[in-house]
């Protein structure tokens, strides 16, 4: 495995494991876990990345609505046509923002994969526990996609806004801290927390051209 891929894998694993452990032990990631293993400056810098991780968490929660709209129908979880349209769109918009389109596409590819992961997890949960199945079927086009489209625009702006916080080796620690704040703030369960871990690998280094 290449070094940058190894670092990404470690960040992803730490978001899923370290953050969930901190929540279980302290019940307060923002107040306790941050101060316990990072200097104040790193904590302050990490907070700038929460604009990204908050949007990742919000997007993951929309996966519940998407899954509820598709569950029990012939609509597949994977939607290659729409996914390609999203990636092509963000690549074009990245150029206008002065961002590297390939790096931005990688970030959004992670979001799509994380969303699919959560949907598959929800399907498995609902198959095993029929009493937990959604009682209503949301309108995918009218209810879920407008939220996802809005998050896409905000994520692009956030990638531009956080250019200075994402280069360098310190980004990984900042990102774990930021993800911890978002996981705590959005009250992510184990499935969504693991999804958050899958959403973050391409963040560090996804800078300008």
Protein backbone atom coordinates (compact mmCIF):
# COMPACT_ATOMS: atom_id res chain seq x y z
CA UNK A 1 0.00 0.00 0.00
CA UNK A 2 1.35 3.45 -0.88
CA UNK A 3 2.23 5.75 2.05
CA UNK A 4 -0.54 8.28 1.38
CA UNK A 5 -3.08 5.47 1.04
CA UNK A 6 -1.85 3.95 4.29
CA UNK A 7 -2.26 7.30 6.08
CA UNK A 8 -5.76 7.65 4.65
CA UNK A 9 -6.66 4.16 5.82
CA UNK A 10 -5.36 4.93 9.30
CA UNK A 11 -7.35 8.17 9.48
CA UNK A 12 -10.47 6.34 8.36
CA UNK A 13 -9.94 3.62 10.96
CA UNK A 14 -9.22 6.13 13.71
CA UNK A 15 -12.37 8.10 12.97
CA UNK A 16 -14.40 4.91 13.29
CA UNK A 17 -12.60 3.37 16.27
CA UNK A 18 -10.89 6.16 18.21
CA UNK A 19 -13.85 8.51 18.15
CA UNK A 20 -16.37 5.85 19.15
CA UNK A 21 -14.09 4.80 22.02
CA UNK A 22 -13.76 8.40 23.20
CA UNK A 23 -17.52 8.85 23.16
CA UNK A 24 -17.99 5.67 25.16
CA UNK A 25 -15.39 6.62 27.73
CA UNK A 26 -15.97 10.33 28.13
CA UNK A 27 -19.34 11.04 26.60
CA UNK A 28 -17.92 14.36 25.45
CA UNK A 29 -15.55 14.28 22.50
CA UNK A 30 -15.40 18.06 22.01
CA UNK A 31 -14.57 18.91 25.62
CA UNK A 32 -12.62 15.91 26.88
CA UNK A 33 -11.16 13.86 24.07
CA UNK A 34 -9.70 16.83 22.19
CA UNK A 35 -7.86 18.27 25.15
CA UNK A 36 -6.56 14.86 26.22
CA UNK A 37 -4.31 14.15 23.23
CA UNK A 38 -3.83 17.31 21.17
CA UNK A 39 -2.22 20.71 21.84
CA UNK A 40 -4.52 23.77 21.92
CA UNK A 41 -3.31 25.08 18.56
CA UNK A 42 -4.09 21.76 16.85
CA UNK A 43 -7.54 21.71 18.44
CA UNK A 44 -8.22 25.24 17.17
CA UNK A 45 -7.05 24.32 13.68
CA UNK A 46 -9.17 21.16 13.77
CA UNK A 47 -12.28 23.20 14.39
CA UNK A 48 -11.86 24.80 10.98
CA UNK A 49 -12.25 21.32 9.44
CA UNK A 50 -15.55 20.70 11.21
CA UNK A 51 -17.21 22.71 8.45
CA UNK A 52 -16.33 19.71 6.25
CA UNK A 53 -16.97 16.89 8.68
CA UNK A 54 -20.31 18.38 9.73
CA UNK A 55 -21.40 18.30 6.10
CA UNK A 56 -20.13 14.72 5.78
CA UNK A 57 -22.19 13.73 8.82
CA UNK A 58 -25.27 15.52 7.53
CA UNK A 59 -24.92 13.84 4.15
CA UNK A 60 -24.64 10.44 5.83
CA UNK A 61 -27.88 11.01 7.70
CA UNK A 62 -29.62 11.77 4.40
CA UNK A 63 -28.66 8.21 3.43
CA UNK A 64 -31.44 7.07 5.79
CA UNK A 65 -33.98 8.93 3.71
CA UNK A 66 -32.52 7.62 0.46
CA UNK A 67 -32.51 4.05 1.78
CA UNK A 68 -36.10 4.37 3.00
CA UNK A 69 -37.13 5.59 -0.46
CA UNK A 70 -35.51 2.60 -2.18
CA UNK A 71 -35.99 -0.23 0.30
CA UNK A 72 -38.44 -2.85 -0.94
CA UNK A 73 -38.44 -1.46 -4.48
CA UNK A 74 -36.52 -2.37 -7.62
CA UNK A 75 -34.35 0.74 -7.31
CA UNK A 76 -30.75 -0.33 -6.62
CA UNK A 77 -28.52 1.31 -4.04
CA UNK A 78 -25.90 1.95 -6.70
CA UNK A 79 -26.83 4.59 -9.26
CA UNK A 80 -23.82 4.86 -11.63
CA UNK A 81 -25.47 7.36 -13.97
CA UNK A 82 -26.31 9.86 -11.22
CA UNK A 83 -22.99 9.26 -9.47
CA UNK A 84 -21.05 10.03 -12.65
CA UNK A 85 -23.13 13.16 -13.18
CA UNK A 86 -22.31 14.33 -9.66
CA UNK A 87 -18.58 13.69 -10.08
CA UNK A 88 -18.46 15.39 -13.47
CA UNK A 89 -20.34 18.37 -12.05
CA UNK A 90 -18.10 18.85 -9.01
CA UNK A 91 -14.96 18.48 -11.13
CA UNK A 92 -16.15 21.29 -13.41
CA UNK A 93 -17.15 23.50 -10.49
CA UNK A 94 -13.84 22.84 -8.74
CA UNK A 95 -11.99 24.44 -11.63
CA UNK A 96 -14.02 27.62 -11.19
CA UNK A 97 -13.08 27.67 -7.50
CA UNK A 98 -9.38 27.21 -8.21
CA UNK A 99 -9.36 23.70 -6.72
CA UNK A 100 -7.76 20.57 -8.13
CA UNK A 101 -10.66 18.79 -9.88
CA UNK A 102 -9.13 15.34 -9.38
CA UNK A 103 -8.68 15.90 -5.65
CA UNK A 104 -12.20 17.27 -5.28
CA UNK A 105 -13.61 14.34 -7.25
CA UNK A 106 -11.82 11.97 -4.86
CA UNK A 107 -13.49 13.66 -1.87
CA UNK A 108 -16.92 13.34 -3.44
CA UNK A 109 -16.25 9.77 -4.51
CA UNK A 110 -15.65 9.01 -0.82
CA UNK A 111 -18.98 10.66 0.06
CA UNK A 112 -20.82 8.49 -2.45
CA UNK A 113 -19.15 5.32 -1.17
CA UNK A 114 -19.88 6.27 2.46
CA UNK A 115 -23.51 6.90 1.57
CA UNK A 116 -23.79 3.52 -0.14
CA UNK A 117 -22.17 1.85 2.87
CA UNK A 118 -24.78 3.31 5.21
CA UNK A 119 -27.62 2.34 2.89
CA UNK A 120 -26.39 -1.25 2.74
CA UNK A 121 -26.09 -1.30 6.52
CA UNK A 122 -29.64 -0.03 6.89
CA UNK A 123 -30.94 -2.66 4.46
CA UNK A 124 -29.23 -5.38 6.51
CA UNK A 125 -30.66 -3.93 9.74
CA UNK A 126 -34.18 -3.76 8.32
CA UNK A 127 -33.95 -7.27 6.88
CA UNK A 128 -32.91 -8.63 10.27
CA UNK A 129 -35.36 -6.52 12.30
CA UNK A 130 -38.62 -5.93 10.40
CA UNK A 131 -39.95 -3.86 13.29
CA UNK A 132 -37.31 -1.22 12.51
CA UNK A 133 -38.27 -0.84 8.86
CA UNK A 134 -39.38 2.65 7.79
CA UNK A 135 -43.12 3.19 7.92
CA UNK A 136 -43.11 5.84 5.20
CA UNK A 137 -41.45 6.02 1.80
CA UNK A 138 -39.87 9.46 1.20
CA UNK A 139 -39.95 10.98 -2.26
CA UNK A 140 -36.35 10.58 -3.43
CA UNK A 141 -36.49 13.39 -6.00
CA UNK A 142 -38.45 15.92 -3.95
CA UNK A 143 -37.11 15.23 -0.46
CA UNK A 144 -33.61 13.74 -0.57
CA UNK A 145 -31.95 15.08 -3.70
CA UNK A 146 -32.52 18.79 -2.96
CA UNK A 147 -30.74 18.30 0.37
CA UNK A 148 -27.88 16.43 -1.30
CA UNK A 149 -27.57 19.12 -3.97
CA UNK A 150 -27.40 21.82 -1.30
CA UNK A 151 -24.74 19.87 0.62
CA UNK A 152 -22.73 19.45 -2.59
CA UNK A 153 -22.57 23.22 -3.06
CA UNK A 154 -21.67 23.77 0.59
CA UNK A 155 -18.97 21.10 0.45
CA UNK A 156 -17.33 22.73 -2.54
CA UNK A 157 -17.31 26.06 -0.71
CA UNK A 158 -15.96 24.36 2.42
CA UNK A 159 -13.12 22.72 0.47
CA UNK A 160 -12.15 26.16 -0.78
CA UNK A 161 -12.48 27.67 2.69
CA UNK A 162 -10.31 25.00 4.33
CA UNK A 163 -7.45 25.01 1.79
CA UNK A 164 -5.02 26.23 4.43
CA UNK A 165 -5.94 23.60 7.01
CA UNK A 166 -5.64 20.53 4.80
CA UNK A 167 -2.04 20.37 3.55
CA UNK A 168 0.73 18.74 5.59
CA UNK A 169 1.08 15.80 7.93
CA UNK A 170 -0.85 17.55 10.74
CA UNK A 171 -4.04 17.42 8.70
CA UNK A 172 -4.75 13.82 9.71
CA UNK A 173 -4.86 14.65 13.43
CA UNK A 174 -6.97 17.74 12.78
CA UNK A 175 -9.33 15.64 10.72
CA UNK A 176 -9.78 13.00 13.40
CA UNK A 177 -10.53 15.70 15.96
CA UNK A 178 -12.95 17.42 13.61
CA UNK A 179 -14.70 14.14 12.83
CA UNK A 180 -15.03 13.51 16.56
CA UNK A 181 -16.80 16.81 17.05
CA UNK A 182 -19.15 16.10 14.17
CA UNK A 183 -19.87 12.54 15.29
CA UNK A 184 -20.72 13.83 18.75
CA UNK A 185 -22.73 16.80 17.49
CA UNK A 186 -24.81 14.74 15.08
CA UNK A 187 -25.17 11.81 17.52
CA UNK A 188 -23.98 9.29 14.95
CA UNK A 189 -24.58 5.64 15.76
CA UNK A 190 -22.07 2.90 14.98
CA UNK A 191 -23.16 2.46 11.38
CA UNK A 192 -23.03 6.16 10.55
CA UNK A 193 -19.78 6.57 12.47
CA UNK A 194 -18.18 3.89 10.32
CA UNK A 195 -19.64 5.67 7.32
CA UNK A 196 -17.97 8.88 8.49
CA UNK A 197 -14.69 7.00 8.58
CA UNK A 198 -15.20 6.12 4.93
CA UNK A 199 -16.03 9.73 4.04
CA UNK A 200 -12.76 11.31 5.17
CA UNK A 201 -9.74 9.60 3.49
CA UNK A 202 -9.31 12.07 0.61
CA UNK A 203 -9.70 15.30 2.61
CA UNK A 204 -6.08 15.90 3.51
CA UNK A 205 -4.17 17.29 0.56
CA UNK A 206 -7.25 18.02 -1.56
CA UNK A 207 -6.09 21.55 -2.19
CA UNK A 208 -5.76 24.09 -4.95
CA UNK A 209 -4.06 23.65 -8.28
